Amino acid sequence: MTDRIPAAAALYFGLGAEQAARLPGHFGALFVAPSDVGGLLPALDAVLEHPSPEMLARARRWLNGGNNTRVRPEALFSFIPSALRTAQARKEGVLLLTAKG
């Protein structure tokens, strides 16, 4: 069984169009070379670090529209920066893919 609402869609809906446009990559798909991880973190933190209650509520509504109510909205906002920090500590790159179907 798969989620009817991808996590990336809930994140983008939660952020709103203006903030989502500031994210790198394409709708949840992102490739970052090891040498670029540190430079990308400040930009992502600026967008994702402190989601407002309204952003969290919008993301929660979007998640509740699918069968993925087990995902916490806060996790949507923290996942990418956390993955980048881990990659930076390991001197690795990051590949995030979003798939539905």
C-alpha atoms as a PDB file:
ATOM      1  CA  MET A   1       0.000   0.000   0.000  1.00  0.00           C
ATOM      2  CA  THR A   2       1.335   3.427  -0.843  1.00  0.00           C
ATOM      3  CA  ASP A   3       0.476   6.884   0.386  1.00  0.00           C
ATOM      4  CA  ARG A   4      -2.039   8.686  -1.776  1.00  0.00           C
ATOM      5  CA  ILE A   5      -0.445  12.032  -0.929  1.00  0.00           C
ATOM      6  CA  PRO A   6       3.342  12.182  -1.365  1.00  0.00           C
ATOM      7  CA  ALA A   7       5.219  13.781   1.516  1.00  0.00           C
ATOM      8  CA  ALA A   8       6.748  16.289  -0.914  1.00  0.00           C
ATOM      9  CA  ALA A   9       3.262  17.497  -1.873  1.00  0.00           C
ATOM     10  CA  ALA A  10       2.335  18.019   1.767  1.00  0.00           C
ATOM     11  CA  LEU A  11       5.582  19.927   2.367  1.00  0.00           C
ATOM     12  CA  TYR A  12       5.027  22.188  -0.634  1.00  0.00           C
ATOM     13  CA  PHE A  13       1.381  22.781   0.314  1.00  0.00           C
ATOM     14  CA  GLY A  14       2.438  23.548   3.876  1.00  0.00           C
ATOM     15  CA  LEU A  15       5.108  26.000   2.771  1.00  0.00           C
ATOM     16  CA  GLY A  16       2.925  27.799   0.268  1.00  0.00           C
ATOM     17  CA  ALA A  17       3.942  28.788  -3.257  1.00  0.00           C
ATOM     18  CA  GLU A  18       6.324  31.619  -2.373  1.00  0.00           C
ATOM     19  CA  GLN A  19       8.369  29.639   0.158  1.00  0.00           C
ATOM     20  CA  ALA A  20       8.288  26.426  -1.904  1.00  0.00           C
ATOM     21  CA  ALA A  21       9.764  28.312  -4.863  1.00  0.00           C
ATOM     22  CA  ARG A  22      12.844  28.992  -2.709  1.00  0.00           C
ATOM     23  CA  LEU A  23      13.609  25.276  -2.360  1.00  0.00           C
ATOM     24  CA  PRO A  24      16.240  23.769  -4.647  1.00  0.00           C
ATOM     25  CA  GLY A  25      15.494  20.786  -6.826  1.00  0.00           C
ATOM     26  CA  HIS A  26      12.220  19.855  -8.416  1.00  0.00           C
ATOM     27  CA  PHE A  27       9.222  18.986  -6.215  1.00  0.00           C
ATOM     28  CA  GLY A  28      11.084  16.875  -3.707  1.00  0.00           C
ATOM     29  CA  ALA A  29      13.705  15.502  -6.078  1.00  0.00           C
ATOM     30  CA  LEU A  30      17.148  16.803  -5.224  1.00  0.00           C
ATOM     31  CA  PHE A  31      20.736  15.840  -6.009  1.00  0.00           C
ATOM     32  CA  VAL A  32      23.519  17.521  -4.044  1.00  0.00           C
ATOM     33  CA  ALA A  33      27.184  16.720  -4.639  1.00  0.00           C
ATOM     34  CA  PRO A  34      29.328  16.357  -1.512  1.00  0.00           C
ATOM     35  CA  SER A  35      31.101  19.637  -2.265  1.00  0.00           C
ATOM     36  CA  ASP A  36      27.760  21.511  -2.414  1.00  0.00           C
ATOM     37  CA  VAL A  37      26.099  20.246   0.761  1.00  0.00           C
ATOM     38  CA  GLY A  38      27.520  22.890   3.116  1.00  0.00           C
ATOM     39  CA  GLY A  39      26.608  25.737   0.789  1.00  0.00           C
ATOM     40  CA  LEU A  40      23.017  24.576   0.456  1.00  0.00           C
ATOM     41  CA  LEU A  41      22.279  24.201   4.163  1.00  0.00           C
ATOM     42  CA  PRO A  42      21.811  27.930   4.961  1.00  0.00           C
ATOM     43  CA  ALA A  43      19.308  28.356   2.122  1.00  0.00           C
ATOM     44  CA  LEU A  44      17.305  25.321   3.200  1.00  0.00           C
ATOM     45  CA  ASP A  45      17.388  26.325   6.848  1.00  0.00           C
ATOM     46  CA  ALA A  46      16.038  29.750   5.896  1.00  0.00           C
ATOM     47  CA  VAL A  47      13.007  28.119   4.285  1.00  0.00           C
ATOM     48  CA  LEU A  48      12.429  25.061   6.484  1.00  0.00           C
ATOM     49  CA  GLU A  49      13.888  25.752   9.928  1.00  0.00           C
ATOM     50  CA  HIS A  50      10.929  27.361  11.697  1.00  0.00           C
ATOM     51  CA  PRO A  51       7.603  26.439  10.091  1.00  0.00           C
ATOM     52  CA  SER A  52       4.753  28.573  11.320  1.00  0.00           C
ATOM     53  CA  PRO A  53       1.696  27.007  12.968  1.00  0.00           C
ATOM     54  CA  GLU A  54      -0.216  27.838   9.784  1.00  0.00           C
ATOM     55  CA  MET A  55       2.333  25.969   7.648  1.00  0.00           C
ATOM     56  CA  LEU A  56       2.128  22.942   9.919  1.00  0.00           C
ATOM     57  CA  ALA A  57      -1.676  23.028   9.837  1.00  0.00           C
ATOM     58  CA  ARG A  58      -1.726  23.195   6.010  1.00  0.00           C
ATOM     59  CA  ALA A  59       0.717  20.284   5.769  1.00  0.00           C
ATOM     60  CA  ARG A  60      -1.354  18.279   8.271  1.00  0.00           C
ATOM     61  CA  ARG A  61      -4.543  18.871   6.253  1.00  0.00           C
ATOM     62  CA  TRP A  62      -2.773  17.708   3.092  1.00  0.00           C
ATOM     63  CA  LEU A  63      -1.412  14.582   4.797  1.00  0.00           C
ATOM     64  CA  ASN A  64      -4.816  13.766   6.238  1.00  0.00           C
ATOM     65  CA  GLY A  65      -6.189  13.732   2.690  1.00  0.00           C
ATOM     66  CA  GLY A  66      -4.195  10.555   2.028  1.00  0.00           C
ATOM     67  CA  ASN A  67      -3.533   7.418   3.958  1.00  0.00           C
ATOM     68  CA  ASN A  68      -0.325   8.790   5.452  1.00  0.00           C
ATOM     69  CA  THR A  69      -1.557  10.283   8.707  1.00  0.00           C
ATOM     70  CA  ARG A  70       1.364   8.559  10.454  1.00  0.00           C
ATOM     71  CA  VAL A  71       3.702  11.274   9.084  1.00  0.00           C
ATOM     72  CA  ARG A  72       4.140  14.226  11.428  1.00  0.00           C
ATOM     73  CA  PRO A  73       4.142  17.603   9.636  1.00  0.00           C
ATOM     74  CA  GLU A  74       7.183  18.664  11.656  1.00  0.00           C
ATOM     75  CA  ALA A  75       9.110  15.771  10.118  1.00  0.00           C
ATOM     76  CA  LEU A  76       8.390  17.095   6.639  1.00  0.00           C
ATOM     77  CA  PHE A  77      10.114  20.367   7.446  1.00  0.00           C
ATOM     78  CA  SER A  78      13.106  18.829   9.230  1.00  0.00           C
ATOM     79  CA  PHE A  79      13.902  15.863   6.989  1.00  0.00           C
ATOM     80  CA  ILE A  80      15.888  17.561   4.204  1.00  0.00           C
ATOM     81  CA  PRO A  81      18.068  19.757   6.451  1.00  0.00           C
ATOM     82  CA  SER A  82      18.706  16.762   8.698  1.00  0.00           C
ATOM     83  CA  ALA A  83      19.717  14.619   5.717  1.00  0.00           C
ATOM     84  CA  LEU A  84      22.070  17.364   4.518  1.00  0.00           C
ATOM     85  CA  ARG A  85      23.682  17.730   7.958  1.00  0.00           C
ATOM     86  CA  THR A  86      24.248  13.989   8.115  1.00  0.00           C
ATOM     87  CA  ALA A  87      25.722  14.005   4.610  1.00  0.00           C
ATOM     88  CA  GLN A  88      27.978  16.932   5.493  1.00  0.00           C
ATOM     89  CA  ALA A  89      29.271  15.151   8.589  1.00  0.00           C
ATOM     90  CA  ARG A  90      30.003  12.057   6.503  1.00  0.00           C
ATOM     91  CA  LYS A  91      31.420  14.073   3.573  1.00  0.00           C
ATOM     92  CA  GLU A  92      28.773  12.544   1.307  1.00  0.00           C
ATOM     93  CA  GLY A  93      26.243  13.844  -1.174  1.00  0.00           C
ATOM     94  CA  VAL A  94      22.454  13.604  -1.044  1.00  0.00           C
ATOM     95  CA  LEU A  95      19.959  12.172  -3.494  1.00  0.00           C
ATOM     96  CA  LEU A  96      16.269  12.601  -2.682  1.00  0.00           C
ATOM     97  CA  LEU A  97      13.621  11.197  -4.995  1.00  0.00           C
ATOM     98  CA  THR A  98       9.888  11.537  -4.880  1.00  0.00           C
ATOM     99  CA  ALA A  99       7.816   8.837  -6.490  1.00  0.00           C
ATOM    100  CA  LYS A 100       4.114   8.176  -6.635  1.00  0.00           C
ATOM    101  CA  GLY A 101       2.393   5.214  -8.077  1.00  0.00           C
END
